[in-house]
Amino acid sequence: MISREIIQKLKEAYPVGSRVKLIQMEDEQAPPVGTLGTVYGVDSIGSILVKWDNGSMLNVIFREDRIEKILNKD
């Protein structure tokens, strides 16, 4: 079970609207590595909810999958 503290830190690290890039996901239905997406939340088990640019909505599983936050260039 993931603590509330970790879930809160994930929400702070990946706020709604954050852009991310997929680095690794062990799932047959995973988007290709390098796919970009937009975070739309973090659920109660610590999964990062992402709308991938290719139309997928597969969640990023904490401690299993890897993403990288893309910084906006202002």
N, C-alpha and C. Protein backbone atom coordinates (compact mmCIF):
# COMPACT_ATOMS: atom_id res chain seq x y z
N MET A 1 0.85 -1.19 0.00
CA MET A 1 0.00 0.00 0.00
C MET A 1 0.89 1.25 0.00
N ILE A 2 0.50 2.22 -0.74
CA ILE A 2 1.26 3.46 -0.86
C ILE A 2 0.70 4.48 0.13
N SER A 3 1.61 5.15 0.82
CA SER A 3 1.18 6.11 1.84
C SER A 3 0.57 7.36 1.21
N ARG A 4 -0.21 8.06 2.00
CA ARG A 4 -0.80 9.33 1.56
C ARG A 4 0.28 10.35 1.24
N GLU A 5 1.39 10.28 1.98
CA GLU A 5 2.50 11.21 1.73
C GLU A 5 3.06 11.03 0.33
N ILE A 6 3.26 9.77 -0.08
CA ILE A 6 3.79 9.50 -1.42
C ILE A 6 2.80 9.95 -2.48
N ILE A 7 1.53 9.67 -2.27
CA ILE A 7 0.51 10.09 -3.24
C ILE A 7 0.50 11.61 -3.35
N GLN A 8 0.61 12.32 -2.23
CA GLN A 8 0.65 13.78 -2.26
C GLN A 8 1.88 14.27 -3.01
N LYS A 9 3.03 13.63 -2.80
CA LYS A 9 4.25 14.02 -3.51
C LYS A 9 4.12 13.79 -5.01
N LEU A 10 3.46 12.69 -5.39
CA LEU A 10 3.22 12.44 -6.81
C LEU A 10 2.32 13.52 -7.41
N LYS A 11 1.29 13.93 -6.67
CA LYS A 11 0.39 14.99 -7.14
C LYS A 11 1.13 16.31 -7.30
N GLU A 12 2.09 16.57 -6.40
CA GLU A 12 2.88 17.79 -6.50
C GLU A 12 3.88 17.71 -7.66
N ALA A 13 4.45 16.54 -7.87
CA ALA A 13 5.44 16.35 -8.94
C ALA A 13 4.79 16.33 -10.32
N TYR A 14 3.56 15.80 -10.39
CA TYR A 14 2.85 15.67 -11.67
C TYR A 14 1.46 16.29 -11.56
N PRO A 15 1.38 17.62 -11.44
CA PRO A 15 0.06 18.25 -11.35
C PRO A 15 -0.71 18.10 -12.66
N VAL A 16 -2.02 18.22 -12.55
CA VAL A 16 -2.87 18.15 -13.74
C VAL A 16 -2.35 19.13 -14.79
N GLY A 17 -2.25 18.65 -16.01
CA GLY A 17 -1.77 19.47 -17.11
C GLY A 17 -0.29 19.28 -17.42
N SER A 18 0.44 18.58 -16.53
CA SER A 18 1.86 18.33 -16.78
C SER A 18 2.03 17.49 -18.03
N ARG A 19 3.08 17.80 -18.78
CA ARG A 19 3.41 17.02 -19.97
C ARG A 19 4.50 16.01 -19.59
N VAL A 20 4.34 14.79 -20.06
CA VAL A 20 5.28 13.73 -19.75
C VAL A 20 5.64 12.93 -21.00
N LYS A 21 6.78 12.24 -20.93
CA LYS A 21 7.22 11.36 -22.00
C LYS A 21 7.40 9.96 -21.42
N LEU A 22 6.92 8.96 -22.12
CA LEU A 22 7.04 7.58 -21.67
C LEU A 22 8.47 7.09 -21.87
N ILE A 23 9.06 6.56 -20.80
CA ILE A 23 10.41 6.00 -20.85
C ILE A 23 10.34 4.48 -20.87
N GLN A 24 9.48 3.89 -20.02
CA GLN A 24 9.36 2.44 -19.95
C GLN A 24 8.00 2.06 -19.38
N MET A 25 7.36 1.08 -20.02
CA MET A 25 6.09 0.56 -19.51
C MET A 25 5.99 -0.90 -19.94
N GLU A 26 5.85 -1.78 -18.95
CA GLU A 26 5.76 -3.21 -19.22
C GLU A 26 4.29 -3.62 -19.37
N ASP A 27 3.74 -3.37 -20.53
CA ASP A 27 2.35 -3.71 -20.81
C ASP A 27 2.21 -3.89 -22.31
N GLU A 28 1.54 -4.94 -22.73
CA GLU A 28 1.36 -5.21 -24.16
C GLU A 28 0.65 -4.07 -24.88
N GLN A 29 -0.20 -3.34 -24.16
CA GLN A 29 -0.96 -2.27 -24.77
C GLN A 29 -0.33 -0.89 -24.56
N ALA A 30 0.90 -0.88 -24.06
CA ALA A 30 1.59 0.38 -23.77
C ALA A 30 1.84 1.17 -25.05
N PRO A 31 1.76 2.49 -24.95
CA PRO A 31 2.17 3.32 -26.08
C PRO A 31 3.66 3.10 -26.34
N PRO A 32 4.14 3.42 -27.52
CA PRO A 32 5.57 3.29 -27.79
C PRO A 32 6.41 4.19 -26.88
N VAL A 33 7.59 3.71 -26.53
CA VAL A 33 8.53 4.52 -25.75
C VAL A 33 8.73 5.84 -26.49
N GLY A 34 8.74 6.93 -25.74
CA GLY A 34 8.90 8.26 -26.32
C GLY A 34 7.58 8.98 -26.56
N THR A 35 6.46 8.27 -26.42
CA THR A 35 5.15 8.90 -26.60
C THR A 35 4.95 9.97 -25.54
N LEU A 36 4.40 11.10 -25.95
CA LEU A 36 4.10 12.20 -25.03
C LEU A 36 2.65 12.13 -24.58
N GLY A 37 2.39 12.70 -23.40
CA GLY A 37 1.03 12.72 -22.89
C GLY A 37 0.84 13.83 -21.88
N THR A 38 -0.42 13.98 -21.44
CA THR A 38 -0.79 15.01 -20.48
C THR A 38 -1.41 14.35 -19.25
N VAL A 39 -0.89 14.70 -18.07
CA VAL A 39 -1.40 14.16 -16.81
C VAL A 39 -2.76 14.77 -16.52
N TYR A 40 -3.72 13.91 -16.13
CA TYR A 40 -5.03 14.41 -15.71
C TYR A 40 -5.37 14.00 -14.29
N GLY A 41 -4.38 13.49 -13.55
CA GLY A 41 -4.61 13.19 -12.14
C GLY A 41 -3.69 12.11 -11.61
N VAL A 42 -3.80 11.88 -10.30
CA VAL A 42 -3.13 10.79 -9.61
C VAL A 42 -4.21 10.12 -8.78
N ASP A 43 -4.33 8.78 -8.89
CA ASP A 43 -5.41 8.11 -8.16
C ASP A 43 -4.97 7.68 -6.76
N SER A 44 -5.86 7.03 -6.03
CA SER A 44 -5.64 6.69 -4.62
C SER A 44 -4.62 5.58 -4.41
N ILE A 45 -4.19 4.91 -5.49
CA ILE A 45 -3.15 3.88 -5.36
C ILE A 45 -1.82 4.36 -5.94
N GLY A 46 -1.77 5.64 -6.31
CA GLY A 46 -0.52 6.22 -6.79
C GLY A 46 -0.27 6.10 -8.27
N SER A 47 -1.26 5.65 -9.03
CA SER A 47 -1.10 5.62 -10.48
C SER A 47 -1.23 7.03 -11.03
N ILE A 48 -0.37 7.36 -11.97
CA ILE A 48 -0.43 8.67 -12.63
C ILE A 48 -1.31 8.50 -13.86
N LEU A 49 -2.38 9.28 -13.92
CA LEU A 49 -3.37 9.16 -15.00
C LEU A 49 -2.94 10.06 -16.14
N VAL A 50 -2.73 9.44 -17.32
CA VAL A 50 -2.19 10.17 -18.47
C VAL A 50 -3.06 9.93 -19.70
N LYS A 51 -3.36 11.03 -20.39
CA LYS A 51 -3.98 10.96 -21.72
C LYS A 51 -2.83 11.06 -22.71
N TRP A 52 -2.46 9.93 -23.30
CA TRP A 52 -1.35 9.90 -24.24
C TRP A 52 -1.75 10.52 -25.57
N ASP A 53 -0.80 11.17 -26.22
CA ASP A 53 -1.08 11.87 -27.48
C ASP A 53 -1.54 10.93 -28.59
N ASN A 54 -1.27 9.62 -28.47
CA ASN A 54 -1.70 8.67 -29.49
C ASN A 54 -3.12 8.15 -29.24
N GLY A 55 -3.80 8.69 -28.21
CA GLY A 55 -5.18 8.30 -27.91
C GLY A 55 -5.32 7.31 -26.77
N SER A 56 -4.24 6.69 -26.34
CA SER A 56 -4.28 5.75 -25.22
C SER A 56 -4.49 6.51 -23.91
N MET A 57 -5.07 5.82 -22.93
CA MET A 57 -5.23 6.40 -21.60
C MET A 57 -4.72 5.43 -20.54
N LEU A 58 -3.71 4.64 -20.89
CA LEU A 58 -3.14 3.69 -19.96
C LEU A 58 -2.39 4.42 -18.85
N ASN A 59 -2.70 4.05 -17.59
CA ASN A 59 -2.10 4.71 -16.43
C ASN A 59 -0.65 4.30 -16.24
N VAL A 60 0.12 5.18 -15.64
CA VAL A 60 1.51 4.92 -15.28
C VAL A 60 1.51 4.37 -13.86
N ILE A 61 2.02 3.15 -13.68
CA ILE A 61 1.99 2.50 -12.38
C ILE A 61 3.24 2.87 -11.58
N PHE A 62 3.01 3.41 -10.39
CA PHE A 62 4.09 3.84 -9.50
C PHE A 62 5.02 2.67 -9.20
N ARG A 63 6.32 2.91 -9.31
CA ARG A 63 7.39 1.95 -9.04
C ARG A 63 7.51 0.84 -10.08
N GLU A 64 6.72 0.89 -11.15
CA GLU A 64 6.84 -0.11 -12.22
C GLU A 64 7.17 0.55 -13.55
N ASP A 65 6.40 1.56 -13.91
CA ASP A 65 6.58 2.25 -15.18
C ASP A 65 7.44 3.50 -14.96
N ARG A 66 7.99 4.02 -16.05
CA ARG A 66 8.83 5.21 -15.93
C ARG A 66 8.41 6.26 -16.95
N ILE A 67 8.28 7.48 -16.45
CA ILE A 67 8.00 8.64 -17.31
C ILE A 67 8.97 9.74 -16.96
N GLU A 68 9.05 10.71 -17.84
CA GLU A 68 9.89 11.88 -17.63
C GLU A 68 9.02 13.11 -17.82
N LYS A 69 9.10 14.04 -16.90
CA LYS A 69 8.33 15.28 -17.03
C LYS A 69 9.00 16.17 -18.07
N ILE A 70 8.19 16.70 -18.96
CA ILE A 70 8.67 17.60 -20.00
C ILE A 70 8.43 19.02 -19.52
N LEU A 71 9.50 19.80 -19.46
CA LEU A 71 9.37 21.18 -18.99
C LEU A 71 8.94 22.08 -20.14
N ASN A 72 8.02 22.99 -19.85
CA ASN A 72 7.56 23.96 -20.85
C ASN A 72 8.67 24.95 -21.15
N LYS A 73 8.81 25.29 -22.39
CA LYS A 73 9.80 26.29 -22.80
C LYS A 73 9.08 27.63 -22.96
N ASP A 74 9.21 28.47 -21.95
CA ASP A 74 8.49 29.76 -21.98
C ASP A 74 9.28 30.82 -22.70
